[in-house]
Amino acid sequence: MKLTTRFELASKSTNELRALYRDIFNAIATFEQPQERLNAFATLQNIRAELSHRAPGL
């Protein structure tokens, strides 16, 4: 899994971010390599940060 940065995520819509979050969350269990999981968790963290940046207080 490729790490996705906040810069890359900023160009996506909120609905796209939520769908990407769901897809990555569901796929984590299938990743065999530790680095894939680390990248997935880091990407999830970046998505959460981007979503919270867009809607403070939610």
C-alpha atoms as a PDB file:
ATOM      1  CA  MET A   1       0.000   0.000   0.000  1.00  0.00           C
ATOM      2  CA  LYS A   2       1.266   3.429  -0.922  1.00  0.00           C
ATOM      3  CA  LEU A   3       1.294   6.088   1.777  1.00  0.00           C
ATOM      4  CA  THR A   4      -1.066   8.925   0.859  1.00  0.00           C
ATOM      5  CA  THR A   5      -0.078  12.356   2.137  1.00  0.00           C
ATOM      6  CA  ARG A   6      -2.302  15.180   3.395  1.00  0.00           C
ATOM      7  CA  PHE A   7      -1.323  17.134   0.290  1.00  0.00           C
ATOM      8  CA  GLU A   8      -2.717  14.393  -1.947  1.00  0.00           C
ATOM      9  CA  LEU A   9      -5.839  14.047   0.184  1.00  0.00           C
ATOM     10  CA  ALA A  10      -6.590  17.778   0.110  1.00  0.00           C
ATOM     11  CA  SER A  11      -7.721  17.535  -3.507  1.00  0.00           C
ATOM     12  CA  LYS A  12     -10.362  14.895  -2.736  1.00  0.00           C
ATOM     13  CA  SER A  13     -13.951  15.576  -1.751  1.00  0.00           C
ATOM     14  CA  THR A  14     -15.223  14.686   1.708  1.00  0.00           C
ATOM     15  CA  ASN A  15     -17.220  11.789   0.269  1.00  0.00           C
ATOM     16  CA  GLU A  16     -14.123  10.493  -1.539  1.00  0.00           C
ATOM     17  CA  LEU A  17     -12.129  10.676   1.699  1.00  0.00           C
ATOM     18  CA  ARG A  18     -14.783   8.758   3.603  1.00  0.00           C
ATOM     19  CA  ALA A  19     -14.939   6.076   0.907  1.00  0.00           C
ATOM     20  CA  LEU A  20     -11.143   5.802   0.823  1.00  0.00           C
ATOM     21  CA  TYR A  21     -11.060   5.518   4.627  1.00  0.00           C
ATOM     22  CA  ARG A  22     -13.629   2.707   4.530  1.00  0.00           C
ATOM     23  CA  ASP A  23     -11.778   0.841   1.773  1.00  0.00           C
ATOM     24  CA  ILE A  24      -8.403   1.059   3.517  1.00  0.00           C
ATOM     25  CA  PHE A  25      -9.889   0.143   6.898  1.00  0.00           C
ATOM     26  CA  ASN A  26     -11.479  -2.976   5.414  1.00  0.00           C
ATOM     27  CA  ALA A  27      -8.332  -3.950   3.499  1.00  0.00           C
ATOM     28  CA  ILE A  28      -5.881  -3.713   6.406  1.00  0.00           C
ATOM     29  CA  ALA A  29      -6.602  -7.279   7.515  1.00  0.00           C
ATOM     30  CA  THR A  30      -5.475  -8.615   4.146  1.00  0.00           C
ATOM     31  CA  PHE A  31      -2.065  -6.905   4.101  1.00  0.00           C
ATOM     32  CA  GLU A  32       0.730  -9.375   4.692  1.00  0.00           C
ATOM     33  CA  GLN A  33       3.731  -7.060   4.898  1.00  0.00           C
ATOM     34  CA  PRO A  34       4.206  -4.929   8.031  1.00  0.00           C
ATOM     35  CA  GLN A  35       5.163  -1.922   5.896  1.00  0.00           C
ATOM     36  CA  GLU A  36       1.848  -2.125   4.043  1.00  0.00           C
ATOM     37  CA  ARG A  37      -0.010  -1.996   7.361  1.00  0.00           C
ATOM     38  CA  LEU A  38       2.099   0.891   8.617  1.00  0.00           C
ATOM     39  CA  ASN A  39       1.398   2.855   5.436  1.00  0.00           C
ATOM     40  CA  ALA A  40      -2.299   2.047   5.689  1.00  0.00           C
ATOM     41  CA  PHE A  41      -2.509   3.201   9.304  1.00  0.00           C
ATOM     42  CA  ALA A  42      -0.571   6.374   8.475  1.00  0.00           C
ATOM     43  CA  THR A  43      -2.912   7.062   5.551  1.00  0.00           C
ATOM     44  CA  LEU A  44      -5.942   6.557   7.812  1.00  0.00           C
ATOM     45  CA  GLN A  45      -4.426   9.045  10.237  1.00  0.00           C
ATOM     46  CA  ASN A  46      -3.881  11.528   7.408  1.00  0.00           C
ATOM     47  CA  ILE A  47      -7.484  11.104   6.245  1.00  0.00           C
ATOM     48  CA  ARG A  48      -8.778  11.709   9.789  1.00  0.00           C
ATOM     49  CA  ALA A  49      -6.604  14.824  10.037  1.00  0.00           C
ATOM     50  CA  GLU A  50      -7.849  16.147   6.698  1.00  0.00           C
ATOM     51  CA  LEU A  51     -11.487  15.501   7.595  1.00  0.00           C
ATOM     52  CA  SER A  52     -11.114  17.183  10.981  1.00  0.00           C
ATOM     53  CA  HIS A  53      -9.393  20.135   9.332  1.00  0.00           C
ATOM     54  CA  ARG A  54     -12.396  20.627   7.055  1.00  0.00           C
ATOM     55  CA  ALA A  55     -15.017  20.425   9.798  1.00  0.00           C
ATOM     56  CA  PRO A  56     -13.596  21.686  13.111  1.00  0.00           C
ATOM     57  CA  GLY A  57     -15.572  20.587  16.116  1.00  0.00           C
ATOM     58  CA  LEU A  58     -17.007  17.435  14.555  1.00  0.00           C
END
